[in-house]
Amino acid sequence: MKKQETGNRKQETAFRGGLLLAMALLMPVGRAQDIQFGGGGDRAAAAHKDHVRLADDGIVVDAGKPQVVELRFHVDPGFHINSHTPKDELLIPTVLKLDTAGVKVVSEEYPKGTAFRLTVGDGETLDVYQGEFRVMLRVIVPRGASTLTGALRYQACDNAACFPPRSLPVKVAVTGK
């Protein structure tokens, strides 16, 4: 019985050693996959970028009456964000939330998205913004200097993956004349 016990221990020790070796060999593969999150290549550094930026830095309008202004946003090349009205309710829409202190926002109008066919999975077609898109605002501003503030909530994606949702701070100087 002692011989059988010793044999079992040797088999158990060999099994554990083999398991540890297999785990050690597979670990670098798992890490390589983590680096490729978001599409591969040098996307690890890109995962920390916003992928969207506001192009406007100042607006001059007539004070005291409704004026139409447009905020221009740019989505980085190779990325897209869902439109304001994505095709699937599970997708995160792009939404501009503005503070109403100083500048009164009467209405907002989002552009139509463009069709974007995914190259992964079932090749689903999405409604997205790419490149430049403009959100039209109807505002009433007081005479003098004001600031239009808020945030653009969106989720940036590339052809293979989506990054966590983000909020881009919006701060635009507005002068009412």
N, C-alpha and C. Protein backbone atom coordinates (compact mmCIF):
# COMPACT_ATOMS: atom_id res chain seq x y z
N MET A 1 0.81 -1.18 0.00
CA MET A 1 0.00 0.00 0.00
C MET A 1 0.86 1.26 0.00
N LYS A 2 2.00 1.18 0.69
CA LYS A 2 2.90 2.32 0.74
C LYS A 2 3.46 2.63 -0.63
N LYS A 3 3.77 1.58 -1.44
CA LYS A 3 4.29 1.79 -2.78
C LYS A 3 3.26 2.51 -3.63
N GLN A 4 1.98 2.14 -3.50
CA GLN A 4 0.92 2.76 -4.29
C GLN A 4 0.76 4.22 -3.88
N GLU A 5 0.84 4.50 -2.56
CA GLU A 5 0.74 5.86 -2.07
C GLU A 5 1.88 6.71 -2.62
N THR A 6 3.09 6.19 -2.62
CA THR A 6 4.25 6.90 -3.13
C THR A 6 4.09 7.15 -4.62
N GLY A 7 3.59 6.19 -5.35
CA GLY A 7 3.36 6.34 -6.79
C GLY A 7 2.33 7.42 -7.08
N ASN A 8 1.25 7.45 -6.28
CA ASN A 8 0.23 8.48 -6.45
C ASN A 8 0.79 9.88 -6.20
N ARG A 9 1.64 9.98 -5.18
CA ARG A 9 2.24 11.29 -4.87
C ARG A 9 3.14 11.75 -6.02
N LYS A 10 3.90 10.82 -6.60
CA LYS A 10 4.77 11.18 -7.71
C LYS A 10 3.94 11.64 -8.90
N GLN A 11 2.82 10.94 -9.17
CA GLN A 11 1.95 11.33 -10.28
C GLN A 11 1.33 12.71 -10.02
N GLU A 12 0.91 12.94 -8.77
CA GLU A 12 0.31 14.22 -8.40
C GLU A 12 1.33 15.35 -8.54
N THR A 13 2.55 15.12 -8.10
CA THR A 13 3.61 16.12 -8.20
C THR A 13 3.93 16.40 -9.67
N ALA A 14 4.00 15.37 -10.48
CA ALA A 14 4.28 15.55 -11.91
C ALA A 14 3.14 16.32 -12.58
N PHE A 15 1.90 15.99 -12.21
CA PHE A 15 0.75 16.70 -12.77
C PHE A 15 0.78 18.18 -12.41
N ARG A 16 1.06 18.49 -11.15
CA ARG A 16 1.14 19.89 -10.72
C ARG A 16 2.25 20.64 -11.46
N GLY A 17 3.39 19.99 -11.61
CA GLY A 17 4.51 20.61 -12.33
C GLY A 17 4.14 20.89 -13.78
N GLY A 18 3.49 19.92 -14.42
CA GLY A 18 3.06 20.11 -15.80
C GLY A 18 2.03 21.23 -15.92
N LEU A 19 1.12 21.32 -14.95
CA LEU A 19 0.10 22.35 -14.94
C LEU A 19 0.74 23.73 -14.78
N LEU A 20 1.70 23.85 -13.88
CA LEU A 20 2.39 25.12 -13.69
C LEU A 20 3.17 25.52 -14.94
N LEU A 21 3.80 24.55 -15.59
CA LEU A 21 4.53 24.84 -16.82
C LEU A 21 3.58 25.32 -17.91
N ALA A 22 2.45 24.67 -18.05
CA ALA A 22 1.46 25.07 -19.06
C ALA A 22 0.94 26.48 -18.79
N MET A 23 0.68 26.79 -17.52
CA MET A 23 0.20 28.12 -17.16
C MET A 23 1.26 29.17 -17.48
N ALA A 24 2.52 28.86 -17.19
CA ALA A 24 3.61 29.80 -17.46
C ALA A 24 3.75 30.05 -18.95
N LEU A 25 3.58 29.01 -19.76
CA LEU A 25 3.69 29.17 -21.21
C LEU A 25 2.53 29.95 -21.79
N LEU A 26 1.35 29.81 -21.23
CA LEU A 26 0.17 30.50 -21.74
C LEU A 26 0.04 31.93 -21.26
N MET A 27 0.69 32.29 -20.17
CA MET A 27 0.54 33.62 -19.60
C MET A 27 0.93 34.72 -20.59
N PRO A 28 2.05 34.65 -21.32
CA PRO A 28 2.38 35.72 -22.26
C PRO A 28 1.32 35.89 -23.34
N VAL A 29 0.66 34.82 -23.77
CA VAL A 29 -0.40 34.92 -24.77
C VAL A 29 -1.54 35.76 -24.23
N GLY A 30 -1.94 35.53 -23.00
CA GLY A 30 -3.02 36.31 -22.39
C GLY A 30 -2.65 37.77 -22.30
N ARG A 31 -1.42 38.07 -21.96
CA ARG A 31 -0.99 39.47 -21.87
C ARG A 31 -0.98 40.12 -23.24
N ALA A 32 -0.58 39.39 -24.28
CA ALA A 32 -0.58 39.96 -25.62
C ALA A 32 -2.00 40.32 -26.04
N GLN A 33 -2.97 39.51 -25.65
CA GLN A 33 -4.35 39.81 -25.99
C GLN A 33 -4.82 41.08 -25.27
N ASP A 34 -4.38 41.29 -24.04
CA ASP A 34 -4.76 42.50 -23.32
C ASP A 34 -4.23 43.73 -24.03
N ILE A 35 -3.01 43.67 -24.54
CA ILE A 35 -2.41 44.81 -25.22
C ILE A 35 -3.20 45.14 -26.48
N GLN A 36 -3.78 44.14 -27.11
CA GLN A 36 -4.49 44.36 -28.37
C GLN A 36 -5.93 44.81 -28.18
N PHE A 37 -6.39 45.05 -26.96
CA PHE A 37 -7.76 45.50 -26.75
C PHE A 37 -8.01 46.74 -27.58
N GLY A 38 -9.10 46.76 -28.29
CA GLY A 38 -9.44 47.93 -29.08
C GLY A 38 -8.92 47.85 -30.50
N GLY A 39 -8.43 46.71 -30.94
CA GLY A 39 -8.14 46.58 -32.34
C GLY A 39 -6.73 46.14 -32.68
N GLY A 40 -5.81 46.10 -31.75
CA GLY A 40 -4.48 45.60 -32.06
C GLY A 40 -3.52 46.74 -32.31
N GLY A 41 -2.31 46.36 -32.71
CA GLY A 41 -1.29 47.36 -32.99
C GLY A 41 -0.95 48.14 -31.73
N ASP A 42 -0.80 49.44 -31.88
CA ASP A 42 -0.43 50.29 -30.75
C ASP A 42 -1.69 50.91 -30.14
N ARG A 43 -2.68 50.09 -29.84
CA ARG A 43 -3.94 50.59 -29.29
C ARG A 43 -3.90 50.75 -27.78
N ALA A 44 -2.91 50.18 -27.11
CA ALA A 44 -2.84 50.31 -25.65
C ALA A 44 -2.69 51.77 -25.29
N ALA A 45 -1.82 52.50 -25.99
CA ALA A 45 -1.66 53.93 -25.72
C ALA A 45 -2.91 54.68 -26.15
N ALA A 46 -3.53 54.25 -27.25
CA ALA A 46 -4.72 54.92 -27.75
C ALA A 46 -5.91 54.76 -26.81
N ALA A 47 -5.91 53.72 -25.99
CA ALA A 47 -7.03 53.48 -25.08
C ALA A 47 -7.18 54.60 -24.07
N HIS A 48 -6.13 55.41 -23.88
CA HIS A 48 -6.20 56.50 -22.92
C HIS A 48 -6.61 57.83 -23.57
N LYS A 49 -6.77 57.86 -24.89
CA LYS A 49 -7.18 59.07 -25.58
C LYS A 49 -8.71 59.18 -25.57
N ASP A 50 -9.17 60.39 -25.81
CA ASP A 50 -10.62 60.61 -25.87
C ASP A 50 -11.22 60.18 -27.21
N HIS A 51 -10.45 60.25 -28.30
CA HIS A 51 -10.87 59.91 -29.66
C HIS A 51 -11.88 60.89 -30.23
N VAL A 52 -12.31 61.89 -29.46
CA VAL A 52 -13.22 62.93 -29.94
C VAL A 52 -12.75 64.25 -29.36
N ARG A 53 -12.82 65.31 -30.17
CA ARG A 53 -12.44 66.62 -29.67
C ARG A 53 -13.41 67.68 -30.19
N LEU A 54 -13.53 68.76 -29.45
CA LEU A 54 -14.37 69.90 -29.82
C LEU A 54 -13.53 70.86 -30.64
N ALA A 55 -14.03 71.30 -31.79
CA ALA A 55 -13.26 72.17 -32.67
C ALA A 55 -13.51 73.66 -32.39
N ASP A 56 -14.59 74.00 -31.73
CA ASP A 56 -14.93 75.40 -31.51
C ASP A 56 -14.29 75.94 -30.25
N ASP A 57 -13.82 77.17 -30.35
CA ASP A 57 -13.27 77.79 -29.15
C ASP A 57 -13.90 79.15 -28.85
N GLY A 58 -14.76 79.63 -29.71
CA GLY A 58 -15.43 80.89 -29.44
C GLY A 58 -16.52 81.19 -30.45
N ILE A 59 -17.61 81.82 -29.98
CA ILE A 59 -18.76 82.14 -30.82
C ILE A 59 -19.18 83.57 -30.51
N VAL A 60 -19.52 84.33 -31.56
CA VAL A 60 -20.06 85.68 -31.40
C VAL A 60 -21.45 85.69 -32.00
N VAL A 61 -22.45 86.12 -31.21
CA VAL A 61 -23.86 86.15 -31.66
C VAL A 61 -24.53 87.45 -31.21
N ASP A 62 -25.70 87.70 -31.77
CA ASP A 62 -26.50 88.84 -31.32
C ASP A 62 -27.09 88.52 -29.95
N ALA A 63 -26.98 89.45 -29.03
CA ALA A 63 -27.48 89.24 -27.66
C ALA A 63 -28.99 89.36 -27.59
N GLY A 64 -29.59 88.59 -26.70
CA GLY A 64 -31.00 88.73 -26.35
C GLY A 64 -32.01 88.13 -27.29
N LYS A 65 -31.61 87.55 -28.41
CA LYS A 65 -32.58 86.91 -29.31
C LYS A 65 -32.07 85.55 -29.74
N PRO A 66 -32.98 84.64 -30.09
CA PRO A 66 -32.55 83.28 -30.46
C PRO A 66 -31.59 83.29 -31.65
N GLN A 67 -30.50 82.59 -31.49
CA GLN A 67 -29.46 82.48 -32.53
C GLN A 67 -29.12 81.01 -32.72
N VAL A 68 -28.82 80.63 -33.94
CA VAL A 68 -28.39 79.26 -34.21
C VAL A 68 -26.86 79.24 -34.26
N VAL A 69 -26.29 78.36 -33.47
CA VAL A 69 -24.85 78.14 -33.48
C VAL A 69 -24.60 76.65 -33.66
N GLU A 70 -23.43 76.32 -34.16
CA GLU A 70 -23.10 74.91 -34.30
C GLU A 70 -21.81 74.62 -33.58
N LEU A 71 -21.82 73.48 -32.90
CA LEU A 71 -20.62 72.99 -32.24
C LEU A 71 -20.05 71.90 -33.13
N ARG A 72 -18.79 72.04 -33.49
CA ARG A 72 -18.13 71.08 -34.39
C ARG A 72 -17.27 70.13 -33.57
N PHE A 73 -17.52 68.85 -33.73
CA PHE A 73 -16.76 67.80 -33.06
C PHE A 73 -16.02 66.99 -34.12
N HIS A 74 -14.83 66.49 -33.75
CA HIS A 74 -14.04 65.65 -34.65
C HIS A 74 -13.78 64.31 -33.98
N VAL A 75 -14.05 63.24 -34.72
CA VAL A 75 -13.75 61.88 -34.27
C VAL A 75 -12.45 61.48 -34.95
N ASP A 76 -11.51 60.94 -34.17
CA ASP A 76 -10.20 60.56 -34.72
C ASP A 76 -10.34 59.56 -35.86
N PRO A 77 -9.44 59.64 -36.85
CA PRO A 77 -9.44 58.66 -37.95
C PRO A 77 -9.33 57.23 -37.41
N GLY A 78 -10.09 56.33 -38.02
CA GLY A 78 -10.08 54.93 -37.61
C GLY A 78 -11.06 54.61 -36.49
N PHE A 79 -11.76 55.64 -35.99
CA PHE A 79 -12.72 55.46 -34.91
C PHE A 79 -14.09 55.96 -35.34
N HIS A 80 -15.10 55.50 -34.65
CA HIS A 80 -16.47 55.99 -34.83
C HIS A 80 -17.14 56.03 -33.47
N ILE A 81 -18.22 56.81 -33.38
CA ILE A 81 -19.05 56.82 -32.18
C ILE A 81 -20.48 56.64 -32.63
N ASN A 82 -21.31 56.07 -31.79
CA ASN A 82 -22.72 55.90 -32.15
C ASN A 82 -23.36 57.26 -32.36
N SER A 83 -24.32 57.31 -33.27
CA SER A 83 -25.05 58.55 -33.49
C SER A 83 -25.94 58.84 -32.26
N HIS A 84 -26.66 59.94 -32.33
CA HIS A 84 -27.58 60.30 -31.25
C HIS A 84 -28.74 59.30 -31.17
N THR A 85 -29.03 58.65 -32.29
CA THR A 85 -30.11 57.67 -32.35
C THR A 85 -29.59 56.35 -32.93
N PRO A 86 -28.83 55.58 -32.13
CA PRO A 86 -28.30 54.31 -32.65
C PRO A 86 -29.42 53.33 -32.98
N LYS A 87 -29.10 52.37 -33.85
CA LYS A 87 -30.10 51.39 -34.29
C LYS A 87 -30.53 50.42 -33.20
N ASP A 88 -29.67 50.19 -32.22
CA ASP A 88 -29.94 49.22 -31.17
C ASP A 88 -30.02 49.95 -29.83
N GLU A 89 -31.05 49.67 -29.05
CA GLU A 89 -31.23 50.34 -27.76
C GLU A 89 -30.13 50.00 -26.75
N LEU A 90 -29.37 48.94 -27.01
CA LEU A 90 -28.28 48.57 -26.11
C LEU A 90 -27.01 49.38 -26.37
N LEU A 91 -26.96 50.07 -27.51
CA LEU A 91 -25.80 50.90 -27.84
C LEU A 91 -25.90 52.25 -27.15
N ILE A 92 -24.77 52.83 -26.83
CA ILE A 92 -24.73 54.10 -26.10
C ILE A 92 -24.82 55.25 -27.09
N PRO A 93 -25.89 56.05 -27.01
CA PRO A 93 -26.04 57.17 -27.94
C PRO A 93 -25.10 58.32 -27.58
N THR A 94 -24.77 59.14 -28.56
CA THR A 94 -24.00 60.36 -28.32
C THR A 94 -24.98 61.43 -27.86
N VAL A 95 -24.71 62.01 -26.69
CA VAL A 95 -25.63 63.00 -26.11
C VAL A 95 -24.83 64.19 -25.59
N LEU A 96 -25.28 65.38 -25.94
CA LEU A 96 -24.68 66.62 -25.46
C LEU A 96 -25.54 67.15 -24.32
N LYS A 97 -24.97 67.24 -23.13
CA LYS A 97 -25.69 67.79 -21.97
C LYS A 97 -25.04 69.12 -21.62
N LEU A 98 -25.84 70.18 -21.66
CA LEU A 98 -25.31 71.52 -21.43
C LEU A 98 -25.86 72.13 -20.15
N ASP A 99 -25.02 72.91 -19.48
CA ASP A 99 -25.45 73.66 -18.31
C ASP A 99 -26.20 74.89 -18.82
N THR A 100 -27.22 75.29 -18.10
CA THR A 100 -28.04 76.41 -18.56
C THR A 100 -27.68 77.74 -17.90
N ALA A 101 -26.64 77.77 -17.11
CA ALA A 101 -26.24 79.02 -16.46
C ALA A 101 -25.59 79.93 -17.50
N GLY A 102 -26.09 81.15 -17.63
CA GLY A 102 -25.50 82.13 -18.55
C GLY A 102 -26.07 82.08 -19.95
N VAL A 103 -25.99 80.95 -20.60
CA VAL A 103 -26.48 80.79 -21.97
C VAL A 103 -27.71 79.90 -21.94
N LYS A 104 -28.82 80.41 -22.48
CA LYS A 104 -30.06 79.62 -22.51
C LYS A 104 -30.10 78.82 -23.80
N VAL A 105 -30.19 77.50 -23.67
CA VAL A 105 -30.27 76.62 -24.84
C VAL A 105 -31.75 76.34 -25.09
N VAL A 106 -32.26 76.83 -26.22
CA VAL A 106 -33.66 76.67 -26.59
C VAL A 106 -33.91 75.30 -27.21
N SER A 107 -32.98 74.86 -28.06
CA SER A 107 -33.13 73.54 -28.70
C SER A 107 -31.77 73.02 -29.17
N GLU A 108 -31.74 71.72 -29.41
CA GLU A 108 -30.56 71.03 -29.94
C GLU A 108 -31.00 70.20 -31.14
N GLU A 109 -30.13 70.13 -32.15
CA GLU A 109 -30.41 69.29 -33.31
C GLU A 109 -29.15 68.52 -33.67
N TYR A 110 -29.27 67.20 -33.62
CA TYR A 110 -28.14 66.33 -33.93
C TYR A 110 -28.18 65.94 -35.41
N PRO A 111 -27.02 65.73 -36.02
CA PRO A 111 -27.02 65.29 -37.41
C PRO A 111 -27.43 63.83 -37.54
N LYS A 112 -27.82 63.45 -38.74
CA LYS A 112 -28.07 62.04 -39.01
C LYS A 112 -26.73 61.33 -39.01
N GLY A 113 -26.73 60.11 -38.57
CA GLY A 113 -25.51 59.31 -38.62
C GLY A 113 -25.32 58.73 -40.00
N THR A 114 -24.19 58.09 -40.20
CA THR A 114 -23.94 57.39 -41.46
C THR A 114 -23.86 55.90 -41.17
N ALA A 115 -24.16 55.10 -42.20
CA ALA A 115 -24.12 53.65 -42.05
C ALA A 115 -22.67 53.19 -41.97
N PHE A 116 -22.39 52.30 -41.02
CA PHE A 116 -21.05 51.75 -40.84
C PHE A 116 -21.20 50.26 -40.62
N ARG A 117 -20.59 49.48 -41.50
CA ARG A 117 -20.69 48.02 -41.41
C ARG A 117 -19.47 47.47 -40.66
N LEU A 118 -19.74 46.73 -39.59
CA LEU A 118 -18.66 46.13 -38.81
C LEU A 118 -17.98 45.03 -39.61
N THR A 119 -16.68 44.90 -39.42
CA THR A 119 -15.93 43.85 -40.11
C THR A 119 -15.74 42.62 -39.24
N VAL A 120 -16.31 42.64 -38.04
CA VAL A 120 -16.22 41.50 -37.12
C VAL A 120 -17.62 40.99 -36.82
N GLY A 121 -17.71 39.81 -36.27
CA GLY A 121 -19.01 39.24 -35.89
C GLY A 121 -19.88 38.98 -37.10
N ASP A 122 -21.15 39.37 -36.99
CA ASP A 122 -22.11 39.15 -38.07
C ASP A 122 -22.09 40.25 -39.11
N GLY A 123 -21.18 41.22 -38.99
CA GLY A 123 -21.12 42.32 -39.96
C GLY A 123 -22.29 43.27 -39.81
N GLU A 124 -22.71 43.51 -38.58
CA GLU A 124 -23.84 44.38 -38.28
C GLU A 124 -23.60 45.80 -38.81
N THR A 125 -24.64 46.46 -39.28
CA THR A 125 -24.55 47.84 -39.74
C THR A 125 -25.01 48.77 -38.62
N LEU A 126 -24.17 49.75 -38.31
CA LEU A 126 -24.45 50.70 -37.24
C LEU A 126 -24.74 52.09 -37.81
N ASP A 127 -25.31 52.95 -37.00
CA ASP A 127 -25.55 54.35 -37.34
C ASP A 127 -24.56 55.16 -36.51
N VAL A 128 -23.54 55.75 -37.16
CA VAL A 128 -22.43 56.35 -36.42
C VAL A 128 -22.06 57.74 -36.93
N TYR A 129 -21.21 58.39 -36.14
CA TYR A 129 -20.54 59.62 -36.55
C TYR A 129 -19.07 59.27 -36.74
N GLN A 130 -18.50 59.77 -37.84
CA GLN A 130 -17.07 59.63 -38.11
C GLN A 130 -16.58 60.97 -38.63
N GLY A 131 -15.29 61.22 -38.50
CA GLY A 131 -14.76 62.49 -38.99
C GLY A 131 -15.38 63.65 -38.23
N GLU A 132 -15.87 64.66 -38.96
CA GLU A 132 -16.51 65.81 -38.30
C GLU A 132 -18.03 65.65 -38.28
N PHE A 133 -18.62 66.01 -37.16
CA PHE A 133 -20.07 66.11 -37.07
C PHE A 133 -20.41 67.37 -36.29
N ARG A 134 -21.58 67.93 -36.57
CA ARG A 134 -21.98 69.20 -35.96
C ARG A 134 -23.31 69.08 -35.24
N VAL A 135 -23.34 69.62 -34.04
CA VAL A 135 -24.58 69.67 -33.27
C VAL A 135 -25.05 71.13 -33.33
N MET A 136 -26.26 71.32 -33.83
CA MET A 136 -26.82 72.67 -33.97
C MET A 136 -27.57 73.02 -32.69
N LEU A 137 -27.32 74.22 -32.19
CA LEU A 137 -27.99 74.71 -30.98
C LEU A 137 -28.70 76.01 -31.30
N ARG A 138 -29.85 76.18 -30.73
CA ARG A 138 -30.55 77.47 -30.78
C ARG A 138 -30.41 78.03 -29.37
N VAL A 139 -29.73 79.19 -29.26
CA VAL A 139 -29.40 79.74 -27.94
C VAL A 139 -29.83 81.20 -27.84
N ILE A 140 -29.99 81.65 -26.61
CA ILE A 140 -30.19 83.06 -26.29
C ILE A 140 -29.10 83.41 -25.29
N VAL A 141 -28.30 84.41 -25.65
CA VAL A 141 -27.19 84.79 -24.78
C VAL A 141 -27.35 86.24 -24.32
N PRO A 142 -26.86 86.53 -23.12
CA PRO A 142 -26.90 87.92 -22.65
C PRO A 142 -25.80 88.74 -23.34
N ARG A 143 -25.90 90.04 -23.21
CA ARG A 143 -24.86 90.91 -23.75
C ARG A 143 -23.57 90.69 -22.95
N GLY A 144 -22.45 90.68 -23.66
CA GLY A 144 -21.16 90.50 -23.01
C GLY A 144 -20.64 89.07 -23.14
N ALA A 145 -19.71 88.74 -22.30
CA ALA A 145 -19.05 87.43 -22.36
C ALA A 145 -19.76 86.40 -21.48
N SER A 146 -19.94 85.23 -22.03
CA SER A 146 -20.53 84.09 -21.32
C SER A 146 -19.73 82.84 -21.70
N THR A 147 -20.04 81.76 -21.03
CA THR A 147 -19.41 80.49 -21.37
C THR A 147 -20.48 79.41 -21.46
N LEU A 148 -20.46 78.71 -22.58
CA LEU A 148 -21.35 77.56 -22.78
C LEU A 148 -20.58 76.33 -22.28
N THR A 149 -21.11 75.67 -21.26
CA THR A 149 -20.40 74.52 -20.68
C THR A 149 -21.31 73.30 -20.64
N GLY A 150 -20.69 72.15 -20.58
CA GLY A 150 -21.42 70.90 -20.49
C GLY A 150 -20.48 69.75 -20.82
N ALA A 151 -21.06 68.67 -21.37
CA ALA A 151 -20.26 67.50 -21.70
C ALA A 151 -20.92 66.72 -22.83
N LEU A 152 -20.10 66.15 -23.68
CA LEU A 152 -20.56 65.25 -24.73
C LEU A 152 -20.29 63.83 -24.26
N ARG A 153 -21.35 63.06 -24.08
CA ARG A 153 -21.25 61.66 -23.64
C ARG A 153 -21.29 60.78 -24.89
N TYR A 154 -20.31 59.88 -25.02
CA TYR A 154 -20.19 59.04 -26.21
C TYR A 154 -19.39 57.79 -25.88
N GLN A 155 -19.35 56.87 -26.84
CA GLN A 155 -18.50 55.69 -26.72
C GLN A 155 -17.75 55.52 -28.04
N ALA A 156 -16.43 55.61 -27.98
CA ALA A 156 -15.59 55.47 -29.17
C ALA A 156 -15.30 53.99 -29.42
N CYS A 157 -15.31 53.63 -30.70
CA CYS A 157 -15.03 52.25 -31.12
C CYS A 157 -14.13 52.29 -32.35
N ASP A 158 -13.39 51.21 -32.55
CA ASP A 158 -12.70 51.01 -33.82
C ASP A 158 -13.35 49.81 -34.49
N ASN A 159 -12.71 49.23 -35.48
CA ASN A 159 -13.32 48.11 -36.21
C ASN A 159 -13.47 46.84 -35.40
N ALA A 160 -12.72 46.73 -34.29
CA ALA A 160 -12.72 45.46 -33.55
C ALA A 160 -13.31 45.55 -32.15
N ALA A 161 -13.29 46.72 -31.53
CA ALA A 161 -13.74 46.81 -30.13
C ALA A 161 -14.17 48.22 -29.79
N CYS A 162 -14.89 48.32 -28.68
CA CYS A 162 -15.31 49.62 -28.16
C CYS A 162 -14.60 49.90 -26.85
N PHE A 163 -14.30 51.17 -26.64
CA PHE A 163 -13.67 51.60 -25.40
C PHE A 163 -14.76 51.97 -24.40
N PRO A 164 -14.43 52.10 -23.14
CA PRO A 164 -15.45 52.50 -22.16
C PRO A 164 -16.04 53.86 -22.51
N PRO A 165 -17.31 54.09 -22.19
CA PRO A 165 -17.93 55.39 -22.47
C PRO A 165 -17.17 56.52 -21.78
N ARG A 166 -17.20 57.68 -22.41
CA ARG A 166 -16.48 58.84 -21.88
C ARG A 166 -17.38 60.07 -21.95
N SER A 167 -16.98 61.10 -21.21
CA SER A 167 -17.62 62.41 -21.28
C SER A 167 -16.56 63.43 -21.62
N LEU A 168 -16.71 64.07 -22.77
CA LEU A 168 -15.79 65.11 -23.20
C LEU A 168 -16.29 66.45 -22.67
N PRO A 169 -15.51 67.14 -21.85
CA PRO A 169 -15.95 68.45 -21.37
C PRO A 169 -16.12 69.42 -22.54
N VAL A 170 -17.19 70.19 -22.50
CA VAL A 170 -17.47 71.19 -23.52
C VAL A 170 -17.42 72.56 -22.83
N LYS A 171 -16.58 73.43 -23.36
CA LYS A 171 -16.46 74.78 -22.82
C LYS A 171 -16.18 75.71 -23.99
N VAL A 172 -17.17 76.55 -24.31
CA VAL A 172 -17.06 77.44 -25.46
C VAL A 172 -17.36 78.87 -25.00
N ALA A 173 -16.45 79.79 -25.33
CA ALA A 173 -16.66 81.21 -25.02
C ALA A 173 -17.72 81.76 -25.96
N VAL A 174 -18.71 82.44 -25.40
CA VAL A 174 -19.79 83.02 -26.21
C VAL A 174 -19.85 84.50 -25.90
N THR A 175 -19.86 85.32 -26.96
CA THR A 175 -19.95 86.76 -26.79
C THR A 175 -21.26 87.25 -27.40
N GLY A 176 -22.07 87.90 -26.61
CA GLY A 176 -23.31 88.50 -27.09
C GLY A 176 -23.10 89.97 -27.38
N LYS A 177 -23.36 90.39 -28.63
CA LYS A 177 -23.17 91.81 -29.03
C LYS A 177 -24.49 92.50 -29.22
